[in-house]
C-alpha cells in the first residue's frame, strides 16, 4: 500500500546550522501490519531550527514524532536525539512534546497541571514563565475540563515547555484554535527558535508551515 510522502520544510534562526544535528532519523522504515507508515525516511533537525513536517492525514507525521520520542522503534534504520537513543532517560528530560492525542486529568486546575509536570524534570522552568510563554494568564485556577478547545491546546503547549527542553515536538498544535490563538502560538514558536531551541512541527496547513 502506497503512503503519501512527507515534505520537510525548514526555517532557521541561524545563518549557518551547527554541524551536529540535535535529532536525526536515518533511512527509517516503520510499518503497522501491512501498512508502511514511513519508508526509508531521513530527517535532521539542528538547534535553532523550526522544521515543519507537511503531509495529509496518514502520511506518517505522527509516526516520525513518536520514533524520535522513543515511543516507537523503527523496523529498520535508526533514530537518535542528542547523539543517543531517544529512550535514554537523560535524553527524555531534554525533550518536550505536545501530541495530537493527549490525555490529562480534567479535574485538575491549570496551575496544578503545571506544578505536576514541572516535578518530572531536574531543571524545570519557573511556573510563572510557563504561564507567560503559553499565554495562560488568568487561567491558572480554572479546571482543565472547563476550558475551551483552544485554551486546552495552550495548556498542553505550556506543559511541553515545563522541562526547558532543547527539542520540542508539536504534533498538529493548532487544532481547535481560532486564528488569533494560532498566530500567538506561531509567535511563541519563533521565540523558541530564537532562543536556540529546536522545534519539530507537524501540520497539514501550508500557511502554518510558512
N, C-alpha and C. Protein backbone atom coordinates (compact mmCIF):
# COMPACT_ATOMS: atom_id res chain seq x y z
N UNK A 1 0.85 -1.19 0.00
CA UNK A 1 0.00 0.00 0.00
C UNK A 1 0.88 1.24 0.00
N UNK A 2 0.66 2.16 -0.92
CA UNK A 2 1.48 3.34 -1.01
C UNK A 2 1.10 4.33 0.08
N UNK A 3 2.07 5.18 0.48
CA UNK A 3 1.86 6.14 1.55
C UNK A 3 2.20 7.52 1.03
N UNK A 4 1.37 8.56 1.31
CA UNK A 4 1.71 9.90 0.88
C UNK A 4 3.06 10.32 1.42
N UNK A 5 3.84 11.03 0.63
CA UNK A 5 5.19 11.41 1.01
C UNK A 5 5.15 12.59 1.96
N UNK A 6 6.06 12.57 2.95
CA UNK A 6 6.23 13.71 3.82
C UNK A 6 7.18 14.69 3.16
N UNK A 7 6.99 15.97 3.44
CA UNK A 7 7.85 17.01 2.88
C UNK A 7 8.34 17.89 4.01
N UNK A 8 9.64 17.77 4.41
CA UNK A 8 10.14 18.65 5.47
C UNK A 8 10.42 20.04 4.91
N UNK A 9 9.79 21.06 5.53
CA UNK A 9 10.07 22.45 5.19
C UNK A 9 10.68 23.08 6.43
N UNK A 10 11.79 23.79 6.27
CA UNK A 10 12.50 24.26 7.45
C UNK A 10 12.78 25.75 7.40
N UNK A 11 12.80 26.34 8.59
CA UNK A 11 13.20 27.72 8.76
C UNK A 11 14.16 27.77 9.92
N UNK A 12 15.23 28.53 9.82
CA UNK A 12 16.25 28.53 10.87
C UNK A 12 16.56 29.94 11.32
N UNK A 13 16.83 30.07 12.62
CA UNK A 13 17.18 31.38 13.15
C UNK A 13 18.65 31.69 12.91
N UNK A 14 19.46 30.70 12.61
CA UNK A 14 20.88 30.89 12.40
C UNK A 14 21.21 30.81 10.91
N UNK A 15 22.16 31.61 10.47
CA UNK A 15 22.52 31.60 9.05
C UNK A 15 23.18 30.29 8.66
N UNK A 16 24.02 29.76 9.53
CA UNK A 16 24.73 28.50 9.24
C UNK A 16 24.44 27.54 10.39
N UNK A 17 23.75 26.43 10.14
CA UNK A 17 23.45 25.50 11.22
C UNK A 17 24.71 24.82 11.73
N UNK A 18 24.75 24.45 12.98
CA UNK A 18 25.91 23.74 13.52
C UNK A 18 26.04 22.38 12.85
N UNK A 19 27.25 21.81 12.90
CA UNK A 19 27.49 20.58 12.14
C UNK A 19 26.77 19.35 12.69
N UNK A 20 26.42 19.35 13.97
CA UNK A 20 25.81 18.18 14.56
C UNK A 20 24.31 18.39 14.77
N UNK A 21 23.48 17.52 14.22
CA UNK A 21 22.03 17.68 14.44
C UNK A 21 21.66 17.32 15.87
N UNK A 22 20.61 17.96 16.38
CA UNK A 22 20.11 17.62 17.70
C UNK A 22 19.25 16.37 17.65
N UNK A 23 18.63 16.10 16.49
CA UNK A 23 17.79 14.91 16.31
C UNK A 23 17.96 14.41 14.89
N UNK A 24 17.86 13.08 14.73
CA UNK A 24 18.12 12.51 13.41
C UNK A 24 17.36 11.20 13.22
N UNK A 25 16.66 11.10 12.10
CA UNK A 25 16.13 9.84 11.61
C UNK A 25 16.91 9.48 10.35
N UNK A 26 17.41 8.26 10.28
CA UNK A 26 18.22 7.86 9.13
C UNK A 26 17.65 6.60 8.49
N UNK A 27 17.15 6.75 7.26
CA UNK A 27 16.62 5.62 6.49
C UNK A 27 15.64 4.78 7.29
N UNK A 28 14.72 5.45 7.97
CA UNK A 28 13.80 4.77 8.87
C UNK A 28 12.61 4.18 8.10
N UNK A 29 12.32 2.93 8.39
CA UNK A 29 11.10 2.29 7.90
C UNK A 29 10.30 1.82 9.11
N UNK A 30 9.02 2.15 9.11
CA UNK A 30 8.14 1.72 10.19
C UNK A 30 6.81 1.28 9.58
N UNK A 31 6.38 0.08 9.98
CA UNK A 31 5.14 -0.49 9.44
C UNK A 31 4.15 -0.76 10.57
N UNK A 32 2.86 -0.74 10.20
CA UNK A 32 1.78 -1.19 11.07
C UNK A 32 1.06 -2.30 10.30
N UNK A 33 1.40 -3.54 10.60
CA UNK A 33 0.83 -4.64 9.83
C UNK A 33 1.28 -4.55 8.38
N UNK A 34 0.33 -4.49 7.46
CA UNK A 34 0.64 -4.40 6.04
C UNK A 34 0.80 -2.97 5.54
N UNK A 35 0.62 -2.00 6.43
CA UNK A 35 0.70 -0.59 6.04
C UNK A 35 2.08 -0.05 6.40
N UNK A 36 2.77 0.53 5.43
CA UNK A 36 4.06 1.16 5.66
C UNK A 36 3.85 2.63 5.93
N UNK A 37 4.09 3.04 7.18
CA UNK A 37 3.88 4.44 7.55
C UNK A 37 5.04 5.31 7.10
N UNK A 38 6.26 4.82 7.24
CA UNK A 38 7.45 5.51 6.77
C UNK A 38 8.32 4.53 6.02
N UNK A 39 8.85 4.95 4.89
CA UNK A 39 9.64 4.07 4.03
C UNK A 39 10.99 4.73 3.74
N UNK A 40 12.04 4.31 4.48
CA UNK A 40 13.39 4.82 4.32
C UNK A 40 13.42 6.35 4.41
N UNK A 41 12.78 6.85 5.45
CA UNK A 41 12.64 8.29 5.66
C UNK A 41 13.81 8.81 6.49
N UNK A 42 14.40 9.92 6.06
CA UNK A 42 15.52 10.54 6.78
C UNK A 42 15.19 12.00 7.09
N UNK A 43 15.69 12.46 8.24
CA UNK A 43 15.40 13.81 8.70
C UNK A 43 16.47 14.21 9.70
N UNK A 44 16.93 15.46 9.60
CA UNK A 44 17.85 16.02 10.58
C UNK A 44 17.31 17.36 11.07
N UNK A 45 17.46 17.60 12.38
CA UNK A 45 17.00 18.85 12.98
C UNK A 45 18.16 19.44 13.77
N UNK A 46 18.40 20.74 13.57
CA UNK A 46 19.52 21.43 14.21
C UNK A 46 19.02 22.43 15.25
N UNK A 47 19.85 22.75 16.25
CA UNK A 47 19.44 23.77 17.24
C UNK A 47 19.07 25.08 16.55
N UNK A 48 17.99 25.69 17.01
CA UNK A 48 17.54 26.95 16.44
C UNK A 48 16.65 26.81 15.23
N UNK A 49 16.40 25.58 14.80
CA UNK A 49 15.56 25.36 13.63
C UNK A 49 14.12 25.08 14.01
N UNK A 50 13.22 25.50 13.13
CA UNK A 50 11.84 25.02 13.15
C UNK A 50 11.67 24.19 11.90
N UNK A 51 11.42 22.91 12.07
CA UNK A 51 11.22 22.01 10.94
C UNK A 51 9.75 21.60 10.92
N UNK A 52 9.09 21.89 9.82
CA UNK A 52 7.68 21.55 9.67
C UNK A 52 7.54 20.32 8.78
N UNK A 53 6.92 19.28 9.31
CA UNK A 53 6.62 18.10 8.51
C UNK A 53 5.23 18.28 7.90
N UNK A 54 5.22 18.41 6.59
CA UNK A 54 3.97 18.62 5.87
C UNK A 54 3.47 17.31 5.29
N UNK A 55 2.18 17.08 5.36
CA UNK A 55 1.62 15.89 4.74
C UNK A 55 0.19 15.70 5.16
N UNK A 56 -0.62 15.04 4.32
CA UNK A 56 -2.01 14.79 4.69
C UNK A 56 -2.11 13.77 5.82
N UNK A 57 -3.30 13.62 6.36
CA UNK A 57 -3.52 12.60 7.39
C UNK A 57 -3.11 11.23 6.84
N UNK A 58 -2.36 10.48 7.65
CA UNK A 58 -1.90 9.16 7.23
C UNK A 58 -0.56 9.16 6.54
N UNK A 59 0.07 10.35 6.43
CA UNK A 59 1.36 10.41 5.72
C UNK A 59 2.53 9.93 6.57
N UNK A 60 2.34 9.78 7.88
CA UNK A 60 3.43 9.31 8.74
C UNK A 60 4.02 10.38 9.63
N UNK A 61 3.39 11.55 9.70
CA UNK A 61 3.94 12.64 10.51
C UNK A 61 4.05 12.25 11.98
N UNK A 62 2.96 11.76 12.54
CA UNK A 62 2.95 11.39 13.96
C UNK A 62 3.90 10.23 14.22
N UNK A 63 4.01 9.31 13.29
CA UNK A 63 4.95 8.19 13.44
C UNK A 63 6.37 8.70 13.57
N UNK A 64 6.74 9.69 12.76
CA UNK A 64 8.09 10.26 12.84
C UNK A 64 8.34 10.87 14.21
N UNK A 65 7.36 11.59 14.73
CA UNK A 65 7.50 12.20 16.05
C UNK A 65 7.65 11.12 17.12
N UNK A 66 6.83 10.09 17.06
CA UNK A 66 6.87 9.05 18.08
C UNK A 66 8.18 8.26 18.04
N UNK A 67 8.78 8.14 16.88
CA UNK A 67 10.09 7.49 16.79
C UNK A 67 11.16 8.32 17.50
N UNK A 68 11.14 9.63 17.30
CA UNK A 68 12.13 10.49 17.93
C UNK A 68 11.89 10.62 19.43
N UNK A 69 10.65 10.44 19.86
CA UNK A 69 10.35 10.46 21.29
C UNK A 69 10.68 9.13 21.97
N UNK A 70 11.00 8.12 21.19
CA UNK A 70 11.29 6.81 21.77
C UNK A 70 10.05 6.02 22.12
N UNK A 71 8.88 6.46 21.63
CA UNK A 71 7.63 5.74 21.90
C UNK A 71 7.43 4.59 20.92
N UNK A 72 8.14 4.61 19.80
CA UNK A 72 8.15 3.53 18.83
C UNK A 72 9.59 3.22 18.46
N UNK A 73 9.83 2.02 17.96
CA UNK A 73 11.13 1.65 17.43
C UNK A 73 11.00 1.41 15.93
N UNK A 74 12.00 1.82 15.14
CA UNK A 74 11.92 1.57 13.70
C UNK A 74 12.14 0.10 13.38
N UNK A 75 11.50 -0.37 12.30
CA UNK A 75 11.76 -1.72 11.84
C UNK A 75 13.11 -1.80 11.14
N UNK A 76 13.55 -0.70 10.56
CA UNK A 76 14.91 -0.59 10.03
C UNK A 76 15.30 0.87 10.07
N UNK A 77 16.61 1.13 9.98
CA UNK A 77 17.11 2.48 10.13
C UNK A 77 17.34 2.82 11.60
N UNK A 78 17.61 4.09 11.88
CA UNK A 78 17.94 4.49 13.25
C UNK A 78 17.33 5.84 13.60
N UNK A 79 17.11 6.02 14.91
CA UNK A 79 16.62 7.28 15.46
C UNK A 79 17.57 7.70 16.59
N UNK A 80 17.99 8.98 16.57
CA UNK A 80 18.88 9.50 17.60
C UNK A 80 18.43 10.90 18.01
N UNK A 81 18.56 11.19 19.28
CA UNK A 81 18.34 12.54 19.82
C UNK A 81 19.54 12.87 20.70
N UNK A 82 20.18 14.01 20.43
CA UNK A 82 21.38 14.41 21.18
C UNK A 82 22.46 13.34 21.10
N UNK A 83 22.50 12.65 19.96
CA UNK A 83 23.50 11.63 19.73
C UNK A 83 23.26 10.32 20.45
N UNK A 84 22.08 10.18 21.07
CA UNK A 84 21.81 8.97 21.86
C UNK A 84 20.45 8.39 21.50
N UNK A 85 20.18 7.23 22.06
CA UNK A 85 18.89 6.59 21.90
C UNK A 85 17.83 7.48 22.54
N UNK A 86 16.75 7.81 21.81
CA UNK A 86 15.72 8.67 22.42
C UNK A 86 15.03 8.06 23.63
N UNK A 87 15.19 6.74 23.85
CA UNK A 87 14.59 6.10 25.02
C UNK A 87 15.43 6.29 26.27
N UNK A 88 16.65 6.83 26.14
CA UNK A 88 17.52 7.08 27.28
C UNK A 88 16.87 8.08 28.22
N UNK A 89 16.89 7.79 29.51
CA UNK A 89 16.18 8.62 30.49
C UNK A 89 16.70 10.06 30.50
N UNK A 90 18.01 10.23 30.40
CA UNK A 90 18.57 11.57 30.38
C UNK A 90 18.18 12.36 29.15
N UNK A 91 18.05 11.66 28.04
CA UNK A 91 17.63 12.31 26.80
C UNK A 91 16.19 12.78 26.90
N UNK A 92 15.34 11.97 27.48
CA UNK A 92 13.92 12.31 27.57
C UNK A 92 13.68 13.58 28.37
N UNK A 93 14.50 13.85 29.37
CA UNK A 93 14.29 15.06 30.18
C UNK A 93 14.65 16.32 29.41
N UNK A 94 15.27 16.18 28.24
CA UNK A 94 15.64 17.35 27.43
C UNK A 94 14.71 17.53 26.24
N UNK A 95 13.61 16.78 26.24
CA UNK A 95 12.60 16.91 25.19
C UNK A 95 11.26 17.30 25.80
N UNK A 96 10.47 17.99 25.02
CA UNK A 96 9.10 18.30 25.41
C UNK A 96 8.18 17.99 24.25
N UNK A 97 6.96 17.54 24.54
CA UNK A 97 6.07 17.11 23.46
C UNK A 97 4.64 17.54 23.71
N UNK A 98 4.03 18.03 22.66
CA UNK A 98 2.59 18.31 22.62
C UNK A 98 2.03 17.41 21.53
N UNK A 99 1.44 16.30 21.92
CA UNK A 99 0.98 15.30 20.96
C UNK A 99 -0.45 15.57 20.54
N UNK A 100 -0.79 15.05 19.36
CA UNK A 100 -2.12 15.28 18.80
C UNK A 100 -3.21 14.69 19.69
N UNK A 101 -2.94 13.54 20.27
CA UNK A 101 -3.88 12.91 21.19
C UNK A 101 -3.24 12.92 22.57
N UNK A 102 -3.70 13.82 23.42
CA UNK A 102 -3.13 13.96 24.77
C UNK A 102 -4.22 13.75 25.80
N UNK A 103 -3.87 13.09 26.87
CA UNK A 103 -4.82 12.82 27.94
C UNK A 103 -4.24 13.35 29.25
N UNK A 104 -4.89 14.35 29.81
CA UNK A 104 -4.51 14.84 31.14
C UNK A 104 -5.79 14.93 31.96
N UNK A 105 -5.70 14.78 33.29
CA UNK A 105 -6.90 14.79 34.13
C UNK A 105 -7.68 16.10 33.99
N UNK A 106 -8.97 15.98 33.75
CA UNK A 106 -9.79 17.17 33.54
C UNK A 106 -10.17 17.85 34.84
N UNK A 107 -10.01 17.17 35.98
CA UNK A 107 -10.42 17.74 37.25
C UNK A 107 -9.27 18.43 37.98
N UNK A 108 -8.10 18.52 37.34
CA UNK A 108 -7.01 19.31 37.91
C UNK A 108 -7.06 20.72 37.33
N UNK A 109 -6.62 21.68 38.14
CA UNK A 109 -6.56 23.06 37.66
C UNK A 109 -5.31 23.26 36.81
N UNK A 110 -5.33 24.30 36.01
CA UNK A 110 -4.20 24.57 35.11
C UNK A 110 -2.90 24.69 35.89
N UNK A 111 -2.92 25.44 36.98
CA UNK A 111 -1.71 25.59 37.80
C UNK A 111 -1.24 24.28 38.39
N UNK A 112 -2.18 23.40 38.75
CA UNK A 112 -1.82 22.09 39.29
C UNK A 112 -1.16 21.23 38.22
N UNK A 113 -1.65 21.30 36.99
CA UNK A 113 -1.01 20.57 35.90
C UNK A 113 0.43 21.05 35.69
N UNK A 114 0.61 22.36 35.72
CA UNK A 114 1.96 22.90 35.53
C UNK A 114 2.88 22.44 36.64
N UNK A 115 2.44 22.50 37.89
CA UNK A 115 3.27 22.06 39.01
C UNK A 115 3.61 20.58 38.89
N UNK A 116 2.64 19.77 38.47
CA UNK A 116 2.87 18.33 38.34
C UNK A 116 3.91 18.05 37.27
N UNK A 117 3.77 18.68 36.11
CA UNK A 117 4.71 18.42 35.02
C UNK A 117 6.10 18.97 35.34
N UNK A 118 6.18 20.08 36.04
CA UNK A 118 7.48 20.62 36.43
C UNK A 118 8.23 19.64 37.33
N UNK A 119 7.49 18.88 38.14
CA UNK A 119 8.12 17.95 39.08
C UNK A 119 8.81 16.78 38.37
N UNK A 120 8.54 16.58 37.09
CA UNK A 120 9.14 15.47 36.36
C UNK A 120 10.56 15.77 35.89
N UNK A 121 11.00 17.03 35.98
CA UNK A 121 12.25 17.44 35.34
C UNK A 121 13.25 17.94 36.38
N UNK A 122 14.55 17.72 36.13
CA UNK A 122 15.56 18.15 37.11
C UNK A 122 15.72 19.67 37.16
N UNK A 123 15.53 20.37 36.03
CA UNK A 123 15.71 21.83 35.99
C UNK A 123 14.54 22.47 35.23
N UNK A 124 13.36 22.47 35.83
CA UNK A 124 12.19 22.99 35.12
C UNK A 124 12.20 24.51 35.03
N UNK A 125 11.44 25.02 34.08
CA UNK A 125 11.20 26.46 34.03
C UNK A 125 10.34 26.88 35.22
N UNK A 126 10.47 28.13 35.67
CA UNK A 126 9.55 28.63 36.71
C UNK A 126 8.11 28.59 36.20
N UNK A 127 7.19 28.33 37.11
CA UNK A 127 5.78 28.24 36.72
C UNK A 127 5.29 29.53 36.06
N UNK A 128 5.72 30.68 36.58
CA UNK A 128 5.29 31.95 36.01
C UNK A 128 5.77 32.12 34.58
N UNK A 129 6.95 31.59 34.27
CA UNK A 129 7.48 31.67 32.91
C UNK A 129 6.67 30.80 31.96
N UNK A 130 6.25 29.64 32.43
CA UNK A 130 5.42 28.76 31.60
C UNK A 130 4.08 29.42 31.31
N UNK A 131 3.49 30.02 32.32
CA UNK A 131 2.22 30.73 32.14
C UNK A 131 2.38 31.84 31.11
N UNK A 132 3.49 32.58 31.17
CA UNK A 132 3.72 33.67 30.23
C UNK A 132 3.92 33.16 28.81
N UNK A 133 4.75 32.13 28.66
CA UNK A 133 5.05 31.61 27.33
C UNK A 133 3.81 31.05 26.64
N UNK A 134 2.96 30.39 27.41
CA UNK A 134 1.77 29.76 26.83
C UNK A 134 0.54 30.67 26.85
N UNK A 135 0.72 31.91 27.31
CA UNK A 135 -0.39 32.88 27.35
C UNK A 135 -1.56 32.33 28.18
N UNK A 136 -1.24 31.89 29.40
CA UNK A 136 -2.24 31.29 30.28
C UNK A 136 -2.63 32.20 31.43
N UNK A 137 -2.26 33.47 31.37
CA UNK A 137 -2.58 34.39 32.45
C UNK A 137 -4.09 34.43 32.69
N UNK A 138 -4.47 34.29 33.96
CA UNK A 138 -5.88 34.31 34.33
C UNK A 138 -6.56 32.95 34.28
N UNK A 139 -5.86 31.94 33.78
CA UNK A 139 -6.45 30.60 33.68
C UNK A 139 -5.90 29.64 34.73
N UNK A 140 -4.98 30.09 35.57
CA UNK A 140 -4.28 29.19 36.47
C UNK A 140 -5.21 28.41 37.40
N UNK A 141 -6.33 29.01 37.80
CA UNK A 141 -7.23 28.36 38.75
C UNK A 141 -8.43 27.71 38.08
N UNK A 142 -8.44 27.67 36.76
CA UNK A 142 -9.54 27.04 36.02
C UNK A 142 -9.31 25.54 35.90
N UNK A 143 -10.38 24.75 36.03
CA UNK A 143 -10.28 23.32 35.80
C UNK A 143 -10.01 23.06 34.32
N UNK A 144 -9.11 22.12 34.04
CA UNK A 144 -8.77 21.83 32.65
C UNK A 144 -10.02 21.44 31.85
N UNK A 145 -10.91 20.67 32.48
CA UNK A 145 -12.11 20.21 31.79
C UNK A 145 -13.09 21.30 31.45
N UNK A 146 -12.94 22.49 32.05
CA UNK A 146 -13.85 23.61 31.79
C UNK A 146 -13.30 24.58 30.74
N UNK A 147 -12.13 24.29 30.21
CA UNK A 147 -11.51 25.19 29.23
C UNK A 147 -12.07 24.93 27.83
N UNK A 148 -11.96 25.94 26.97
CA UNK A 148 -12.31 25.76 25.57
C UNK A 148 -11.24 24.91 24.88
N UNK A 149 -11.53 24.47 23.67
CA UNK A 149 -10.56 23.65 22.94
C UNK A 149 -9.25 24.38 22.71
N UNK A 150 -9.32 25.65 22.34
CA UNK A 150 -8.10 26.42 22.13
C UNK A 150 -7.31 26.63 23.40
N UNK A 151 -8.02 26.88 24.52
CA UNK A 151 -7.34 27.05 25.81
C UNK A 151 -6.65 25.76 26.23
N UNK A 152 -7.29 24.63 26.00
CA UNK A 152 -6.66 23.34 26.32
C UNK A 152 -5.38 23.17 25.52
N UNK A 153 -5.40 23.54 24.25
CA UNK A 153 -4.20 23.43 23.43
C UNK A 153 -3.08 24.30 24.00
N UNK A 154 -3.42 25.49 24.47
CA UNK A 154 -2.40 26.37 25.05
C UNK A 154 -1.82 25.76 26.33
N UNK A 155 -2.67 25.10 27.14
CA UNK A 155 -2.17 24.41 28.34
C UNK A 155 -1.21 23.30 27.94
N UNK A 156 -1.58 22.50 26.95
CA UNK A 156 -0.72 21.40 26.52
C UNK A 156 0.60 21.93 25.96
N UNK A 157 0.56 23.07 25.28
CA UNK A 157 1.79 23.71 24.82
C UNK A 157 2.66 24.10 26.01
N UNK A 158 2.05 24.69 27.03
CA UNK A 158 2.81 25.04 28.22
C UNK A 158 3.43 23.84 28.91
N UNK A 159 2.69 22.74 28.98
CA UNK A 159 3.22 21.52 29.61
C UNK A 159 4.42 20.98 28.83
N UNK A 160 4.42 21.15 27.51
CA UNK A 160 5.56 20.70 26.70
C UNK A 160 6.82 21.49 26.99
N UNK A 161 6.66 22.69 27.56
CA UNK A 161 7.81 23.56 27.85
C UNK A 161 8.30 23.44 29.29
N UNK A 162 7.62 22.67 30.12
CA UNK A 162 7.91 22.64 31.56
C UNK A 162 9.36 22.31 31.87
N UNK A 163 9.98 21.41 31.14
CA UNK A 163 11.34 20.98 31.45
C UNK A 163 12.41 21.82 30.80
N UNK A 164 12.06 22.99 30.23
CA UNK A 164 13.01 23.83 29.50
C UNK A 164 13.74 22.99 28.45
N UNK A 165 13.00 22.36 27.53
CA UNK A 165 13.59 21.38 26.62
C UNK A 165 14.47 22.01 25.55
N UNK A 166 15.45 21.23 25.08
CA UNK A 166 16.26 21.62 23.93
C UNK A 166 15.55 21.31 22.62
N UNK A 167 14.65 20.32 22.65
CA UNK A 167 13.93 19.88 21.47
C UNK A 167 12.45 19.78 21.82
N UNK A 168 11.60 20.44 21.03
CA UNK A 168 10.17 20.48 21.30
C UNK A 168 9.42 19.88 20.11
N UNK A 169 8.54 18.93 20.40
CA UNK A 169 7.70 18.32 19.38
C UNK A 169 6.28 18.87 19.50
N UNK A 170 5.76 19.38 18.40
CA UNK A 170 4.40 19.93 18.37
C UNK A 170 3.64 19.23 17.25
N UNK A 171 2.78 18.31 17.63
CA UNK A 171 2.06 17.49 16.66
C UNK A 171 0.66 18.08 16.43
N UNK A 172 0.48 18.74 15.28
CA UNK A 172 -0.79 19.41 14.94
C UNK A 172 -1.22 20.32 16.11
N UNK A 173 -0.37 21.27 16.50
CA UNK A 173 -0.62 22.00 17.75
C UNK A 173 -1.78 22.98 17.71
N UNK A 174 -2.21 23.43 16.53
CA UNK A 174 -3.23 24.47 16.47
C UNK A 174 -4.63 23.94 16.23
N UNK A 175 -4.81 22.61 16.30
CA UNK A 175 -6.15 22.04 16.16
C UNK A 175 -7.06 22.61 17.25
N UNK A 176 -8.21 23.14 16.85
CA UNK A 176 -9.16 23.68 17.82
C UNK A 176 -8.93 25.13 18.18
N UNK A 177 -7.87 25.75 17.64
CA UNK A 177 -7.58 27.14 17.95
C UNK A 177 -8.20 28.08 16.92
N UNK A 178 -8.62 29.26 17.38
CA UNK A 178 -9.04 30.28 16.44
C UNK A 178 -7.81 30.94 15.83
N UNK A 179 -7.99 31.81 14.85
CA UNK A 179 -6.86 32.36 14.11
C UNK A 179 -5.94 33.18 14.99
N UNK A 180 -6.50 33.94 15.94
CA UNK A 180 -5.65 34.74 16.82
C UNK A 180 -4.80 33.86 17.72
N UNK A 181 -5.39 32.78 18.24
CA UNK A 181 -4.62 31.86 19.07
C UNK A 181 -3.53 31.17 18.26
N UNK A 182 -3.84 30.84 17.01
CA UNK A 182 -2.84 30.22 16.14
C UNK A 182 -1.67 31.16 15.91
N UNK A 183 -1.97 32.43 15.63
CA UNK A 183 -0.89 33.39 15.40
C UNK A 183 -0.05 33.60 16.64
N UNK A 184 -0.71 33.60 17.81
CA UNK A 184 0.02 33.74 19.06
C UNK A 184 0.97 32.56 19.26
N UNK A 185 0.50 31.35 18.96
CA UNK A 185 1.36 30.18 19.10
C UNK A 185 2.53 30.25 18.13
N UNK A 186 2.29 30.72 16.91
CA UNK A 186 3.38 30.85 15.94
C UNK A 186 4.45 31.81 16.46
N UNK A 187 4.02 32.89 17.11
CA UNK A 187 4.98 33.83 17.69
C UNK A 187 5.84 33.16 18.74
N UNK A 188 5.21 32.31 19.56
CA UNK A 188 5.96 31.62 20.62
C UNK A 188 6.93 30.60 20.02
N UNK A 189 6.55 29.96 18.93
CA UNK A 189 7.45 29.01 18.26
C UNK A 189 8.67 29.76 17.72
N UNK A 190 8.45 30.94 17.14
CA UNK A 190 9.57 31.74 16.65
C UNK A 190 10.49 32.13 17.80
N UNK A 191 9.91 32.44 18.96
CA UNK A 191 10.71 32.81 20.12
C UNK A 191 11.55 31.63 20.60
N UNK A 192 10.99 30.42 20.57
CA UNK A 192 11.76 29.23 20.94
C UNK A 192 12.96 29.06 20.01
N UNK A 193 12.72 29.24 18.71
CA UNK A 193 13.80 29.12 17.74
C UNK A 193 14.87 30.16 17.98
N UNK A 194 14.46 31.40 18.25
CA UNK A 194 15.43 32.46 18.50
C UNK A 194 16.26 32.20 19.75
N UNK A 195 15.70 31.43 20.69
CA UNK A 195 16.42 31.08 21.92
C UNK A 195 17.32 29.86 21.73
N UNK A 196 17.39 29.34 20.50
CA UNK A 196 18.27 28.20 20.21
C UNK A 196 17.61 26.85 20.37
N UNK A 197 16.30 26.82 20.67
CA UNK A 197 15.59 25.56 20.78
C UNK A 197 15.29 25.02 19.38
N UNK A 198 15.25 23.71 19.26
CA UNK A 198 14.83 23.07 18.01
C UNK A 198 13.37 22.66 18.15
N UNK A 199 12.59 22.90 17.09
CA UNK A 199 11.16 22.60 17.12
C UNK A 199 10.81 21.76 15.91
N UNK A 200 10.15 20.63 16.15
CA UNK A 200 9.60 19.81 15.07
C UNK A 200 8.09 19.96 15.11
N UNK A 201 7.55 20.52 14.06
CA UNK A 201 6.12 20.83 13.97
C UNK A 201 5.50 19.98 12.88
N UNK A 202 4.41 19.29 13.19
CA UNK A 202 3.68 18.58 12.15
C UNK A 202 2.39 19.34 11.87
N UNK A 203 2.05 19.41 10.60
CA UNK A 203 0.85 20.14 10.20
C UNK A 203 0.42 19.71 8.81
N UNK A 204 -0.85 19.94 8.49
CA UNK A 204 -1.28 19.80 7.11
C UNK A 204 -1.74 21.14 6.55
N UNK A 205 -1.40 22.24 7.31
CA UNK A 205 -1.70 23.59 6.86
C UNK A 205 -0.45 24.21 6.23
N UNK A 206 -0.49 24.52 4.94
CA UNK A 206 0.66 25.14 4.30
C UNK A 206 0.96 26.51 4.91
N UNK A 207 -0.11 27.26 5.27
CA UNK A 207 0.07 28.58 5.89
C UNK A 207 0.85 28.45 7.18
N UNK A 208 0.56 27.42 7.96
CA UNK A 208 1.24 27.22 9.23
C UNK A 208 2.71 26.93 9.01
N UNK A 209 3.03 26.08 8.04
CA UNK A 209 4.43 25.79 7.74
C UNK A 209 5.18 27.05 7.31
N UNK A 210 4.53 27.89 6.48
CA UNK A 210 5.15 29.16 6.06
C UNK A 210 5.43 30.04 7.26
